[in-house]
PDB file of N, CA and C in Angstrom:
ATOM      1  N   UNK A   1      38.844  10.224-104.596  1.00  0.00           N
ATOM      2  CA  UNK A   1      38.069   9.060-104.268  1.00  0.00           C
ATOM      3  C   UNK A   1      38.799   8.171-103.262  1.00  0.00           C
ATOM      4  N   UNK A   2      40.116   8.051-103.438  1.00  0.00           N
ATOM      5  CA  UNK A   2      40.914   7.239-102.538  1.00  0.00           C
ATOM      6  C   UNK A   2      40.906   7.825-101.133  1.00  0.00           C
ATOM      7  N   UNK A   3      40.923   9.154-101.018  1.00  0.00           N
ATOM      8  CA  UNK A   3      40.886   9.809 -99.716  1.00  0.00           C
ATOM      9  C   UNK A   3      39.587   9.464 -98.978  1.00  0.00           C
ATOM     10  N   UNK A   4      38.492   9.428 -99.674  1.00  0.00           N
ATOM     11  CA  UNK A   4      37.196   9.129 -99.050  1.00  0.00           C
ATOM     12  C   UNK A   4      37.185   7.700 -98.509  1.00  0.00           C
ATOM     13  N   UNK A   5      37.729   6.767 -99.275  1.00  0.00           N
ATOM     14  CA  UNK A   5      37.803   5.372 -98.827  1.00  0.00           C
ATOM     15  C   UNK A   5      38.695   5.253 -97.600  1.00  0.00           C
ATOM     16  N   UNK A   6      39.813   5.956 -97.588  1.00  0.00           N
ATOM     17  CA  UNK A   6      40.721   5.932 -96.434  1.00  0.00           C
ATOM     18  C   UNK A   6      40.032   6.532 -95.210  1.00  0.00           C
ATOM     19  N   UNK A   7      39.360   7.668 -95.358  1.00  0.00           N
ATOM     20  CA  UNK A   7      38.653   8.298 -94.240  1.00  0.00           C
ATOM     21  C   UNK A   7      37.557   7.386 -93.683  1.00  0.00           C
ATOM     22  N   UNK A   8      36.826   6.743 -94.567  1.00  0.00           N
ATOM     23  CA  UNK A   8      35.770   5.830 -94.115  1.00  0.00           C
ATOM     24  C   UNK A   8      36.382   4.640 -93.379  1.00  0.00           C
ATOM     25  N   UNK A   9      37.479   4.114 -93.919  1.00  0.00           N
ATOM     26  CA  UNK A   9      38.142   2.970 -93.274  1.00  0.00           C
ATOM     27  C   UNK A   9      38.676   3.343 -91.892  1.00  0.00           C
ATOM     28  N   UNK A  10      39.336   4.469 -91.799  1.00  0.00           N
ATOM     29  CA  UNK A  10      39.876   4.927 -90.512  1.00  0.00           C
ATOM     30  C   UNK A  10      38.743   5.205 -89.532  1.00  0.00           C
ATOM     31  N   UNK A  11      37.682   5.821 -89.998  1.00  0.00           N
ATOM     32  CA  UNK A  11      36.525   6.081 -89.140  1.00  0.00           C
ATOM     33  C   UNK A  11      35.910   4.796 -88.621  1.00  0.00           C
ATOM     34  N   UNK A  12      35.805   3.808 -89.495  1.00  0.00           N
ATOM     35  CA  UNK A  12      35.253   2.517 -89.086  1.00  0.00           C
ATOM     36  C   UNK A  12      36.149   1.830 -88.059  1.00  0.00           C
ATOM     37  N   UNK A  13      37.454   1.876 -88.263  1.00  0.00           N
ATOM     38  CA  UNK A  13      38.383   1.288 -87.293  1.00  0.00           C
ATOM     39  C   UNK A  13      38.287   1.972 -85.936  1.00  0.00           C
ATOM     40  N   UNK A  14      38.189   3.286 -85.942  1.00  0.00           N
ATOM     41  CA  UNK A  14      38.037   4.017 -84.686  1.00  0.00           C
ATOM     42  C   UNK A  14      36.739   3.619 -83.994  1.00  0.00           C
ATOM     43  N   UNK A  15      35.670   3.504 -84.756  1.00  0.00           N
ATOM     44  CA  UNK A  15      34.384   3.079 -84.216  1.00  0.00           C
ATOM     45  C   UNK A  15      34.489   1.693 -83.578  1.00  0.00           C
ATOM     46  N   UNK A  16      35.120   0.734 -84.264  1.00  0.00           N
ATOM     47  CA  UNK A  16      35.235  -0.637 -83.734  1.00  0.00           C
ATOM     48  C   UNK A  16      36.079  -0.687 -82.473  1.00  0.00           C
ATOM     49  N   UNK A  17      37.181   0.055 -82.449  1.00  0.00           N
ATOM     50  CA  UNK A  17      38.042   0.085 -81.267  1.00  0.00           C
ATOM     51  C   UNK A  17      37.286   0.694 -80.086  1.00  0.00           C
ATOM     52  N   UNK A  18      36.567   1.771 -80.320  1.00  0.00           N
ATOM     53  CA  UNK A  18      35.795   2.411 -79.246  1.00  0.00           C
ATOM     54  C   UNK A  18      34.697   1.476 -78.746  1.00  0.00           C
ATOM     55  N   UNK A  19      34.034   0.796 -79.642  1.00  0.00           N
ATOM     56  CA  UNK A  19      32.953  -0.117 -79.260  1.00  0.00           C
ATOM     57  C   UNK A  19      33.500  -1.281 -78.439  1.00  0.00           C
ATOM     58  N   UNK A  20      34.588  -1.894 -78.872  1.00  0.00           N
ATOM     59  CA  UNK A  20      35.184  -3.007 -78.136  1.00  0.00           C
ATOM     60  C   UNK A  20      35.756  -2.550 -76.801  1.00  0.00           C
ATOM     61  N   UNK A  21      36.334  -1.375 -76.769  1.00  0.00           N
ATOM     62  CA  UNK A  21      36.869  -0.844 -75.515  1.00  0.00           C
ATOM     63  C   UNK A  21      35.769  -0.603 -74.496  1.00  0.00           C
ATOM     64  N   UNK A  22      34.660  -0.055 -74.949  1.00  0.00           N
ATOM     65  CA  UNK A  22      33.537   0.173 -74.038  1.00  0.00           C
ATOM     66  C   UNK A  22      32.992  -1.152 -73.530  1.00  0.00           C
ATOM     67  N   UNK A  23      32.930  -2.142 -74.386  1.00  0.00           N
ATOM     68  CA  UNK A  23      32.454  -3.463 -73.972  1.00  0.00           C
ATOM     69  C   UNK A  23      33.387  -4.070 -72.923  1.00  0.00           C
ATOM     70  N   UNK A  24      34.687  -3.952 -73.135  1.00  0.00           N
ATOM     71  CA  UNK A  24      35.650  -4.481 -72.171  1.00  0.00           C
ATOM     72  C   UNK A  24      35.557  -3.770 -70.825  1.00  0.00           C
ATOM     73  N   UNK A  25      35.372  -2.481 -70.845  1.00  0.00           N
ATOM     74  CA  UNK A  25      35.249  -1.716 -69.601  1.00  0.00           C
ATOM     75  C   UNK A  25      33.999  -2.141 -68.839  1.00  0.00           C
ATOM     76  N   UNK A  26      32.875  -2.264 -69.529  1.00  0.00           N
ATOM     77  CA  UNK A  26      31.635  -2.682 -68.870  1.00  0.00           C
ATOM     78  C   UNK A  26      31.741  -4.098 -68.326  1.00  0.00           C
ATOM     79  N   UNK A  27      32.345  -4.994 -69.061  1.00  0.00           N
ATOM     80  CA  UNK A  27      32.534  -6.362 -68.595  1.00  0.00           C
ATOM     81  C   UNK A  27      33.430  -6.392 -67.368  1.00  0.00           C
ATOM     82  N   UNK A  28      34.467  -5.595 -67.375  1.00  0.00           N
ATOM     83  CA  UNK A  28      35.375  -5.526 -66.243  1.00  0.00           C
ATOM     84  C   UNK A  28      34.672  -5.016 -64.997  1.00  0.00           C
ATOM     85  N   UNK A  29      33.864  -4.015 -65.136  1.00  0.00           N
ATOM     86  CA  UNK A  29      33.131  -3.478 -63.991  1.00  0.00           C
ATOM     87  C   UNK A  29      32.144  -4.493 -63.430  1.00  0.00           C
ATOM     88  N   UNK A  30      31.478  -5.226 -64.287  1.00  0.00           N
ATOM     89  CA  UNK A  30      30.534  -6.241 -63.833  1.00  0.00           C
ATOM     90  C   UNK A  30      31.252  -7.361 -63.095  1.00  0.00           C
ATOM     91  N   UNK A  31      32.400  -7.793 -63.587  1.00  0.00           N
ATOM     92  CA  UNK A  31      33.121  -8.883 -62.944  1.00  0.00           C
ATOM     93  C   UNK A  31      33.680  -8.452 -61.596  1.00  0.00           C
ATOM     94  N   UNK A  32      34.067  -7.195 -61.439  1.00  0.00           N
ATOM     95  CA  UNK A  32      34.558  -6.731 -60.152  1.00  0.00           C
ATOM     96  C   UNK A  32      33.458  -6.744 -59.111  1.00  0.00           C
ATOM     97  N   UNK A  33      32.248  -6.388 -59.511  1.00  0.00           N
ATOM     98  CA  UNK A  33      31.127  -6.426 -58.577  1.00  0.00           C
ATOM     99  C   UNK A  33      30.877  -7.852 -58.122  1.00  0.00           C
ATOM    100  N   UNK A  34      30.971  -8.785 -59.026  1.00  0.00           N
ATOM    101  CA  UNK A  34      30.763 -10.187 -58.678  1.00  0.00           C
ATOM    102  C   UNK A  34      31.801 -10.683 -57.700  1.00  0.00           C
ATOM    103  N   UNK A  35      33.031 -10.260 -57.854  1.00  0.00           N
ATOM    104  CA  UNK A  35      34.078 -10.678 -56.937  1.00  0.00           C
ATOM    105  C   UNK A  35      33.874 -10.083 -55.550  1.00  0.00           C
ATOM    106  N   UNK A  36      33.420  -8.865 -55.471  1.00  0.00           N
ATOM    107  CA  UNK A  36      33.197  -8.249 -54.165  1.00  0.00           C
ATOM    108  C   UNK A  36      32.085  -8.943 -53.407  1.00  0.00           C
ATOM    109  N   UNK A  37      31.079  -9.447 -54.103  1.00  0.00           N
ATOM    110  CA  UNK A  37      29.984 -10.124 -53.442  1.00  0.00           C
ATOM    111  C   UNK A  37      30.425 -11.420 -52.785  1.00  0.00           C
ATOM    112  N   UNK A  38      31.363 -12.109 -53.380  1.00  0.00           N
ATOM    113  CA  UNK A  38      31.772 -13.411 -52.865  1.00  0.00           C
ATOM    114  C   UNK A  38      33.115 -13.354 -52.135  1.00  0.00           C
ATOM    115  N   UNK A  39      33.554 -12.200 -51.731  1.00  0.00           N
ATOM    116  CA  UNK A  39      34.877 -12.097 -51.135  1.00  0.00           C
ATOM    117  C   UNK A  39      34.901 -12.489 -49.660  1.00  0.00           C
ATOM    118  N   UNK A  40      33.756 -12.788 -49.075  1.00  0.00           N
ATOM    119  CA  UNK A  40      33.739 -13.191 -47.674  1.00  0.00           C
ATOM    120  C   UNK A  40      34.305 -14.604 -47.549  1.00  0.00           C
ATOM    121  N   UNK A  41      35.277 -14.761 -46.654  1.00  0.00           N
ATOM    122  CA  UNK A  41      35.890 -16.062 -46.421  1.00  0.00           C
ATOM    123  C   UNK A  41      35.414 -16.620 -45.087  1.00  0.00           C
ATOM    124  N   UNK A  42      35.191 -17.921 -45.072  1.00  0.00           N
ATOM    125  CA  UNK A  42      34.716 -18.594 -43.872  1.00  0.00           C
ATOM    126  C   UNK A  42      35.718 -19.676 -43.519  1.00  0.00           C
ATOM    127  N   UNK A  43      35.955 -19.848 -42.208  1.00  0.00           N
ATOM    128  CA  UNK A  43      36.931 -20.815 -41.729  1.00  0.00           C
ATOM    129  C   UNK A  43      36.294 -22.192 -41.592  1.00  0.00           C
ATOM    130  N   UNK A  44      36.963 -23.195 -42.135  1.00  0.00           N
ATOM    131  CA  UNK A  44      36.511 -24.576 -42.044  1.00  0.00           C
ATOM    132  C   UNK A  44      36.709 -25.083 -40.622  1.00  0.00           C
ATOM    133  N   UNK A  45      35.705 -25.753 -40.087  1.00  0.00           N
ATOM    134  CA  UNK A  45      35.760 -26.261 -38.717  1.00  0.00           C
ATOM    135  C   UNK A  45      36.793 -27.366 -38.581  1.00  0.00           C
ATOM    136  N   UNK A  46      36.937 -28.186 -39.614  1.00  0.00           N
ATOM    137  CA  UNK A  46      37.810 -29.356 -39.518  1.00  0.00           C
ATOM    138  C   UNK A  46      39.284 -29.039 -39.777  1.00  0.00           C
ATOM    139  N   UNK A  47      39.583 -28.409 -40.911  1.00  0.00           N
ATOM    140  CA  UNK A  47      40.989 -28.212 -41.294  1.00  0.00           C
ATOM    141  C   UNK A  47      41.499 -26.800 -41.026  1.00  0.00           C
ATOM    142  N   UNK A  48      40.636 -25.909 -40.560  1.00  0.00           N
ATOM    143  CA  UNK A  48      40.971 -24.509 -40.278  1.00  0.00           C
ATOM    144  C   UNK A  48      41.394 -23.728 -41.521  1.00  0.00           C
ATOM    145  N   UNK A  49      41.080 -24.250 -42.697  1.00  0.00           N
ATOM    146  CA  UNK A  49      41.343 -23.528 -43.935  1.00  0.00           C
ATOM    147  C   UNK A  49      40.223 -22.537 -44.203  1.00  0.00           C
ATOM    148  N   UNK A  50      40.459 -21.623 -45.122  1.00  0.00           N
ATOM    149  CA  UNK A  50      39.451 -20.624 -45.461  1.00  0.00           C
ATOM    150  C   UNK A  50      38.884 -20.922 -46.842  1.00  0.00           C
ATOM    151  N   UNK A  51      37.587 -20.711 -46.968  1.00  0.00           N
ATOM    152  CA  UNK A  51      36.897 -20.977 -48.215  1.00  0.00           C
ATOM    153  C   UNK A  51      35.904 -19.849 -48.469  1.00  0.00           C
ATOM    154  N   UNK A  52      35.626 -19.590 -49.734  1.00  0.00           N
ATOM    155  CA  UNK A  52      34.665 -18.567 -50.103  1.00  0.00           C
ATOM    156  C   UNK A  52      33.282 -18.953 -49.589  1.00  0.00           C
ATOM    157  N   UNK A  53      32.510 -17.974 -49.177  1.00  0.00           N
ATOM    158  CA  UNK A  53      31.174 -18.227 -48.647  1.00  0.00           C
ATOM    159  C   UNK A  53      30.278 -18.869 -49.693  1.00  0.00           C
ATOM    160  N   UNK A  54      30.557 -18.650 -50.971  1.00  0.00           N
ATOM    161  CA  UNK A  54      29.739 -19.226 -52.040  1.00  0.00           C
ATOM    162  C   UNK A  54      29.879 -20.741 -52.151  1.00  0.00           C
ATOM    163  N   UNK A  55      31.039 -21.280 -51.807  1.00  0.00           N
ATOM    164  CA  UNK A  55      31.256 -22.713 -51.978  1.00  0.00           C
ATOM    165  C   UNK A  55      31.375 -23.460 -50.657  1.00  0.00           C
ATOM    166  N   UNK A  56      31.209 -22.777 -49.548  1.00  0.00           N
ATOM    167  CA  UNK A  56      31.272 -23.423 -48.242  1.00  0.00           C
ATOM    168  C   UNK A  56      30.118 -24.407 -48.092  1.00  0.00           C
ATOM    169  N   UNK A  57      30.355 -25.484 -47.352  1.00  0.00           N
ATOM    170  CA  UNK A  57      29.353 -26.519 -47.140  1.00  0.00           C
ATOM    171  C   UNK A  57      28.908 -26.464 -45.684  1.00  0.00           C
ATOM    172  N   UNK A  58      27.626 -26.264 -45.487  1.00  0.00           N
ATOM    173  CA  UNK A  58      27.069 -26.207 -44.134  1.00  0.00           C
ATOM    174  C   UNK A  58      26.558 -27.589 -43.760  1.00  0.00           C
ATOM    175  N   UNK A  59      26.931 -28.039 -42.559  1.00  0.00           N
ATOM    176  CA  UNK A  59      26.465 -29.316 -42.031  1.00  0.00           C
ATOM    177  C   UNK A  59      26.062 -29.074 -40.589  1.00  0.00           C
ATOM    178  N   UNK A  60      24.789 -29.188 -40.326  1.00  0.00           N
ATOM    179  CA  UNK A  60      24.198 -28.795 -39.044  1.00  0.00           C
ATOM    180  C   UNK A  60      24.503 -27.309 -38.833  1.00  0.00           C
ATOM    181  N   UNK A  61      25.165 -26.936 -37.767  1.00  0.00           N
ATOM    182  CA  UNK A  61      25.503 -25.528 -37.537  1.00  0.00           C
ATOM    183  C   UNK A  61      26.964 -25.238 -37.855  1.00  0.00           C
ATOM    184  N   UNK A  62      27.654 -26.177 -38.470  1.00  0.00           N
ATOM    185  CA  UNK A  62      29.079 -26.047 -38.753  1.00  0.00           C
ATOM    186  C   UNK A  62      29.303 -25.786 -40.239  1.00  0.00           C
ATOM    187  N   UNK A  63      30.457 -25.184 -40.562  1.00  0.00           N
ATOM    188  CA  UNK A  63      30.787 -24.863 -41.954  1.00  0.00           C
ATOM    189  C   UNK A  63      32.099 -25.547 -42.314  1.00  0.00           C
ATOM    190  N   UNK A  64      32.102 -26.189 -43.488  1.00  0.00           N
ATOM    191  CA  UNK A  64      33.272 -26.922 -43.963  1.00  0.00           C
ATOM    192  C   UNK A  64      33.671 -26.429 -45.344  1.00  0.00           C
ATOM    193  N   UNK A  65      34.921 -26.710 -45.721  1.00  0.00           N
ATOM    194  CA  UNK A  65      35.416 -26.274 -47.026  1.00  0.00           C
ATOM    195  C   UNK A  65      35.160 -27.298 -48.110  1.00  0.00           C
ATOM    196  N   UNK A  66      34.971 -28.563 -47.748  1.00  0.00           N
ATOM    197  CA  UNK A  66      34.752 -29.602 -48.755  1.00  0.00           C
ATOM    198  C   UNK A  66      33.997 -30.768 -48.147  1.00  0.00           C
ATOM    199  N   UNK A  67      33.521 -31.661 -49.017  1.00  0.00           N
ATOM    200  CA  UNK A  67      32.845 -32.876 -48.555  1.00  0.00           C
ATOM    201  C   UNK A  67      33.826 -33.775 -47.811  1.00  0.00           C
ATOM    202  N   UNK A  68      35.088 -33.740 -48.212  1.00  0.00           N
ATOM    203  CA  UNK A  68      36.104 -34.552 -47.541  1.00  0.00           C
ATOM    204  C   UNK A  68      36.244 -34.145 -46.075  1.00  0.00           C
ATOM    205  N   UNK A  69      36.213 -32.852 -45.819  1.00  0.00           N
ATOM    206  CA  UNK A  69      36.306 -32.379 -44.434  1.00  0.00           C
ATOM    207  C   UNK A  69      35.057 -32.760 -43.644  1.00  0.00           C
ATOM    208  N   UNK A  70      33.903 -32.738 -44.292  1.00  0.00           N
ATOM    209  CA  UNK A  70      32.665 -33.155 -43.620  1.00  0.00           C
ATOM    210  C   UNK A  70      32.781 -34.616 -43.222  1.00  0.00           C
ATOM    211  N   UNK A  71      33.207 -35.469 -44.152  1.00  0.00           N
ATOM    212  CA  UNK A  71      33.337 -36.898 -43.871  1.00  0.00           C
ATOM    213  C   UNK A  71      34.390 -37.165 -42.796  1.00  0.00           C
ATOM    214  N   UNK A  72      35.517 -36.473 -42.876  1.00  0.00           N
ATOM    215  CA  UNK A  72      36.565 -36.654 -41.862  1.00  0.00           C
ATOM    216  C   UNK A  72      36.064 -36.224 -40.492  1.00  0.00           C
ATOM    217  N   UNK A  73      35.321 -35.152 -40.445  1.00  0.00           N
ATOM    218  CA  UNK A  73      34.781 -34.666 -39.189  1.00  0.00           C
ATOM    219  C   UNK A  73      33.769 -35.664 -38.622  1.00  0.00           C
ATOM    220  N   UNK A  74      32.908 -36.212 -39.492  1.00  0.00           N
ATOM    221  CA  UNK A  74      31.941 -37.213 -39.038  1.00  0.00           C
ATOM    222  C   UNK A  74      32.656 -38.460 -38.499  1.00  0.00           C
ATOM    223  N   UNK A  75      33.681 -38.928 -39.226  1.00  0.00           N
ATOM    224  CA  UNK A  75      34.431 -40.105 -38.778  1.00  0.00           C
ATOM    225  C   UNK A  75      35.113 -39.858 -37.454  1.00  0.00           C
ATOM    226  N   UNK A  76      35.627 -38.666 -37.260  1.00  0.00           N
ATOM    227  CA  UNK A  76      36.293 -38.310 -36.009  1.00  0.00           C
ATOM    228  C   UNK A  76      35.281 -38.303 -34.855  1.00  0.00           C
ATOM    229  N   UNK A  77      34.079 -37.826 -35.124  1.00  0.00           N
ATOM    230  CA  UNK A  77      33.037 -37.762 -34.102  1.00  0.00           C
ATOM    231  C   UNK A  77      32.535 -39.172 -33.744  1.00  0.00           C
ATOM    232  N   UNK A  78      32.521 -40.079 -34.728  1.00  0.00           N
ATOM    233  CA  UNK A  78      32.055 -41.448 -34.485  1.00  0.00           C
ATOM    234  C   UNK A  78      33.022 -42.230 -33.635  1.00  0.00           C
ATOM    235  N   UNK A  79      34.307 -41.914 -33.690  1.00  0.00           N
ATOM    236  CA  UNK A  79      35.342 -42.645 -32.929  1.00  0.00           C
ATOM    237  C   UNK A  79      35.273 -42.395 -31.459  1.00  0.00           C
TER     238      UNK A  79
END
């Protein structure tokens, strides 16, 4: 009887490890695809820094890395 309980316990542990491992692999593959989609970098017009295309800020036909760069660029143009 003890052998049956041990076999069931070991089988269950193997099942849980396999299930969690498969979940981790699938999650990892999904996250890599997401990173590849946003890997394009765009150069900021004001500070010449690079920013991901997902978070870049477009102002007229120009691209900036932050609102601070947009404001600095506007102030520079007003002077």
